[in-house]
Amino acid sequence: MHEHREATKNTSNTKERSAAGEYLTFVLGSEEYRLEILKVHEFCGYDAVTQIASTPDFIKGVLNLRGKIVPIVDLLAHQVPS
């Protein structure tokens, strides 16, 4: 998955059209990211997140999505070493 940082600020999730194609644009903190819309499988909401003991703070828990256990990760809190 490729993301592209943009200099402009956007305050909501949008689908944008450009010369190169369509993008899903979203903001984490003060940074804006774009994903090629064809790389996005779906948007889904969720109700209950089950917390897991002894996990890092950026792991918010797991949820059951159509019979599969999916981790919930706070990307804003997760700092990947560069």
N, C-alpha and C. Protein backbone atom coordinates (compact mmCIF):
# COMPACT_ATOMS: atom_id res chain seq x y z
N MET A 1 0.85 -1.16 0.00
CA MET A 1 0.00 0.00 0.00
C MET A 1 0.90 1.23 0.00
N HIS A 2 0.65 2.15 -0.90
CA HIS A 2 1.43 3.37 -1.01
C HIS A 2 0.61 4.54 -0.52
N GLU A 3 1.21 5.36 0.36
CA GLU A 3 0.52 6.56 0.77
C GLU A 3 1.35 7.77 0.37
N HIS A 4 0.65 8.87 0.10
CA HIS A 4 1.31 10.09 -0.35
C HIS A 4 0.91 11.21 0.59
N ARG A 5 1.89 11.85 1.22
CA ARG A 5 1.60 13.00 2.07
C ARG A 5 1.38 14.21 1.19
N GLU A 6 0.42 15.01 1.57
CA GLU A 6 0.12 16.23 0.83
C GLU A 6 0.30 17.42 1.77
N ALA A 7 0.59 18.58 1.21
CA ALA A 7 0.80 19.78 2.02
C ALA A 7 -0.51 20.40 2.47
N THR A 8 -1.60 20.13 1.77
CA THR A 8 -2.87 20.73 2.15
C THR A 8 -3.48 20.00 3.32
N LYS A 9 -4.29 20.69 4.09
CA LYS A 9 -4.94 20.09 5.24
C LYS A 9 -6.40 19.82 4.90
N ASN A 10 -6.88 18.67 5.31
CA ASN A 10 -8.26 18.27 5.08
C ASN A 10 -8.80 17.79 6.42
N THR A 11 -10.01 18.17 6.78
CA THR A 11 -10.54 17.82 8.09
C THR A 11 -11.54 16.67 8.06
N SER A 12 -11.82 16.08 6.91
CA SER A 12 -12.76 14.96 6.86
C SER A 12 -12.29 13.94 5.83
N ASN A 13 -12.82 12.71 5.94
CA ASN A 13 -12.51 11.68 4.95
C ASN A 13 -13.20 12.06 3.65
N THR A 14 -12.44 12.05 2.57
CA THR A 14 -13.01 12.38 1.28
C THR A 14 -12.45 11.46 0.23
N LYS A 15 -13.15 11.37 -0.88
CA LYS A 15 -12.65 10.67 -2.04
C LYS A 15 -12.35 11.75 -3.07
N GLU A 16 -11.11 11.85 -3.50
CA GLU A 16 -10.72 12.91 -4.42
C GLU A 16 -10.36 12.33 -5.78
N ARG A 17 -10.56 13.14 -6.81
CA ARG A 17 -10.22 12.76 -8.17
C ARG A 17 -9.06 13.64 -8.62
N SER A 18 -8.05 13.04 -9.22
CA SER A 18 -6.93 13.81 -9.75
C SER A 18 -6.57 13.25 -11.11
N ALA A 19 -5.57 13.85 -11.75
CA ALA A 19 -5.15 13.39 -13.06
C ALA A 19 -4.66 11.95 -13.00
N ALA A 20 -4.10 11.53 -11.88
CA ALA A 20 -3.56 10.18 -11.74
C ALA A 20 -4.62 9.17 -11.34
N GLY A 21 -5.80 9.58 -10.91
CA GLY A 21 -6.84 8.65 -10.48
C GLY A 21 -7.60 9.16 -9.28
N GLU A 22 -8.29 8.24 -8.61
CA GLU A 22 -9.07 8.60 -7.43
C GLU A 22 -8.31 8.18 -6.17
N TYR A 23 -8.44 8.98 -5.12
CA TYR A 23 -7.75 8.73 -3.87
C TYR A 23 -8.70 8.87 -2.69
N LEU A 24 -8.46 8.07 -1.66
CA LEU A 24 -9.09 8.26 -0.37
C LEU A 24 -8.12 9.13 0.43
N THR A 25 -8.58 10.26 0.92
CA THR A 25 -7.74 11.19 1.67
C THR A 25 -8.21 11.21 3.12
N PHE A 26 -7.26 11.10 4.05
CA PHE A 26 -7.60 11.15 5.47
C PHE A 26 -6.49 11.83 6.23
N VAL A 27 -6.82 12.28 7.44
CA VAL A 27 -5.88 13.03 8.27
C VAL A 27 -5.60 12.25 9.55
N LEU A 28 -4.32 12.14 9.90
CA LEU A 28 -3.88 11.61 11.19
C LEU A 28 -3.09 12.72 11.86
N GLY A 29 -3.62 13.24 12.95
CA GLY A 29 -2.96 14.37 13.60
C GLY A 29 -2.98 15.57 12.67
N SER A 30 -1.81 16.10 12.35
CA SER A 30 -1.73 17.25 11.45
C SER A 30 -1.27 16.85 10.05
N GLU A 31 -1.14 15.55 9.79
CA GLU A 31 -0.67 15.09 8.48
C GLU A 31 -1.81 14.49 7.67
N GLU A 32 -1.81 14.77 6.38
CA GLU A 32 -2.82 14.24 5.47
C GLU A 32 -2.19 13.14 4.63
N TYR A 33 -2.94 12.07 4.42
CA TYR A 33 -2.47 10.94 3.62
C TYR A 33 -3.47 10.65 2.52
N ARG A 34 -2.97 10.04 1.45
CA ARG A 34 -3.82 9.62 0.34
C ARG A 34 -3.51 8.18 0.01
N LEU A 35 -4.55 7.41 -0.24
CA LEU A 35 -4.42 6.04 -0.72
C LEU A 35 -5.14 5.93 -2.05
N GLU A 36 -4.57 5.18 -2.96
CA GLU A 36 -5.26 4.94 -4.21
C GLU A 36 -6.57 4.22 -3.88
N ILE A 37 -7.68 4.72 -4.41
CA ILE A 37 -8.99 4.20 -4.04
C ILE A 37 -9.12 2.72 -4.40
N LEU A 38 -8.41 2.26 -5.41
CA LEU A 38 -8.49 0.85 -5.79
C LEU A 38 -7.80 -0.06 -4.78
N LYS A 39 -7.00 0.51 -3.88
CA LYS A 39 -6.35 -0.27 -2.82
C LYS A 39 -7.23 -0.40 -1.59
N VAL A 40 -8.32 0.36 -1.52
CA VAL A 40 -9.22 0.34 -0.37
C VAL A 40 -10.28 -0.72 -0.60
N HIS A 41 -10.37 -1.68 0.31
CA HIS A 41 -11.34 -2.77 0.17
C HIS A 41 -12.71 -2.35 0.65
N GLU A 42 -12.80 -1.75 1.84
CA GLU A 42 -14.09 -1.33 2.37
C GLU A 42 -13.91 -0.41 3.57
N PHE A 43 -14.98 0.30 3.89
CA PHE A 43 -15.10 1.06 5.13
C PHE A 43 -16.09 0.29 5.99
N CYS A 44 -15.80 0.16 7.26
CA CYS A 44 -16.78 -0.50 8.12
C CYS A 44 -16.73 0.13 9.50
N GLY A 45 -17.88 0.20 10.11
CA GLY A 45 -17.97 0.66 11.48
C GLY A 45 -17.90 -0.53 12.41
N TYR A 46 -17.78 -0.27 13.69
CA TYR A 46 -17.75 -1.37 14.64
C TYR A 46 -18.35 -0.89 15.96
N ASP A 47 -18.79 -1.85 16.76
CA ASP A 47 -19.43 -1.54 18.04
C ASP A 47 -18.49 -1.79 19.22
N ALA A 48 -18.20 -3.05 19.46
CA ALA A 48 -17.46 -3.41 20.67
C ALA A 48 -16.03 -3.84 20.35
N VAL A 49 -15.09 -3.21 21.02
CA VAL A 49 -13.69 -3.60 20.91
C VAL A 49 -13.33 -4.33 22.20
N THR A 50 -12.77 -5.53 22.07
CA THR A 50 -12.35 -6.31 23.23
C THR A 50 -10.90 -5.96 23.53
N GLN A 51 -10.65 -5.42 24.72
CA GLN A 51 -9.29 -5.07 25.09
C GLN A 51 -8.51 -6.32 25.44
N ILE A 52 -7.21 -6.30 25.16
CA ILE A 52 -6.32 -7.43 25.41
C ILE A 52 -5.27 -6.98 26.42
N ALA A 53 -5.10 -7.77 27.49
CA ALA A 53 -4.12 -7.43 28.52
C ALA A 53 -2.70 -7.54 28.00
N SER A 54 -1.81 -6.75 28.55
CA SER A 54 -0.37 -6.79 28.27
C SER A 54 -0.03 -6.51 26.80
N THR A 55 -0.78 -5.62 26.16
CA THR A 55 -0.45 -5.20 24.80
C THR A 55 0.04 -3.76 24.84
N PRO A 56 0.80 -3.34 23.83
CA PRO A 56 1.25 -1.94 23.79
C PRO A 56 0.05 -0.98 23.75
N ASP A 57 0.28 0.26 24.15
CA ASP A 57 -0.79 1.26 24.20
C ASP A 57 -1.45 1.51 22.85
N PHE A 58 -0.70 1.36 21.75
CA PHE A 58 -1.28 1.62 20.43
C PHE A 58 -2.20 0.51 19.95
N ILE A 59 -2.19 -0.66 20.61
CA ILE A 59 -3.14 -1.73 20.30
C ILE A 59 -4.36 -1.49 21.18
N LYS A 60 -5.46 -1.07 20.55
CA LYS A 60 -6.66 -0.73 21.30
C LYS A 60 -7.50 -1.95 21.64
N GLY A 61 -7.25 -3.05 20.96
CA GLY A 61 -7.99 -4.28 21.23
C GLY A 61 -8.24 -5.02 19.93
N VAL A 62 -9.23 -5.91 19.96
CA VAL A 62 -9.60 -6.68 18.78
C VAL A 62 -11.11 -6.65 18.63
N LEU A 63 -11.57 -6.95 17.42
CA LEU A 63 -13.00 -7.09 17.20
C LEU A 63 -13.24 -8.25 16.25
N ASN A 64 -14.46 -8.75 16.29
CA ASN A 64 -14.86 -9.84 15.43
C ASN A 64 -15.52 -9.24 14.20
N LEU A 65 -14.88 -9.39 13.05
CA LEU A 65 -15.40 -8.85 11.80
C LEU A 65 -15.74 -10.03 10.89
N ARG A 66 -17.02 -10.34 10.80
CA ARG A 66 -17.50 -11.46 9.99
C ARG A 66 -16.76 -12.76 10.30
N GLY A 67 -16.57 -13.03 11.60
CA GLY A 67 -15.96 -14.29 12.03
C GLY A 67 -14.44 -14.28 12.09
N LYS A 68 -13.82 -13.17 11.74
CA LYS A 68 -12.36 -13.06 11.82
C LYS A 68 -11.99 -12.07 12.91
N ILE A 69 -10.95 -12.39 13.68
CA ILE A 69 -10.48 -11.49 14.73
C ILE A 69 -9.52 -10.48 14.10
N VAL A 70 -9.85 -9.19 14.26
CA VAL A 70 -9.10 -8.11 13.63
C VAL A 70 -8.55 -7.19 14.71
N PRO A 71 -7.22 -6.92 14.70
CA PRO A 71 -6.67 -5.99 15.69
C PRO A 71 -7.03 -4.55 15.35
N ILE A 72 -7.25 -3.76 16.38
CA ILE A 72 -7.51 -2.32 16.23
C ILE A 72 -6.25 -1.59 16.68
N VAL A 73 -5.61 -0.89 15.74
CA VAL A 73 -4.34 -0.22 15.98
C VAL A 73 -4.55 1.29 15.86
N ASP A 74 -4.09 2.03 16.85
CA ASP A 74 -4.14 3.49 16.82
C ASP A 74 -2.89 3.97 16.08
N LEU A 75 -3.05 4.30 14.78
CA LEU A 75 -1.90 4.70 13.97
C LEU A 75 -1.28 6.00 14.43
N LEU A 76 -2.07 6.87 15.03
CA LEU A 76 -1.53 8.12 15.52
C LEU A 76 -0.60 7.88 16.71
N ALA A 77 -0.94 6.91 17.56
CA ALA A 77 -0.13 6.62 18.73
C ALA A 77 1.06 5.72 18.42
N HIS A 78 1.01 4.98 17.31
CA HIS A 78 2.07 4.05 16.95
C HIS A 78 3.17 4.77 16.19
N GLN A 79 4.34 4.81 16.77
CA GLN A 79 5.50 5.46 16.14
C GLN A 79 6.43 4.39 15.61
N VAL A 80 6.55 4.29 14.30
CA VAL A 80 7.45 3.33 13.68
C VAL A 80 8.85 3.94 13.63
N PRO A 81 9.86 3.21 14.11
CA PRO A 81 11.23 3.77 14.04
C PRO A 81 11.64 3.99 12.59
N SER A 82 12.31 5.10 12.34
CA SER A 82 12.73 5.39 10.96
C SER A 82 14.19 5.07 10.74
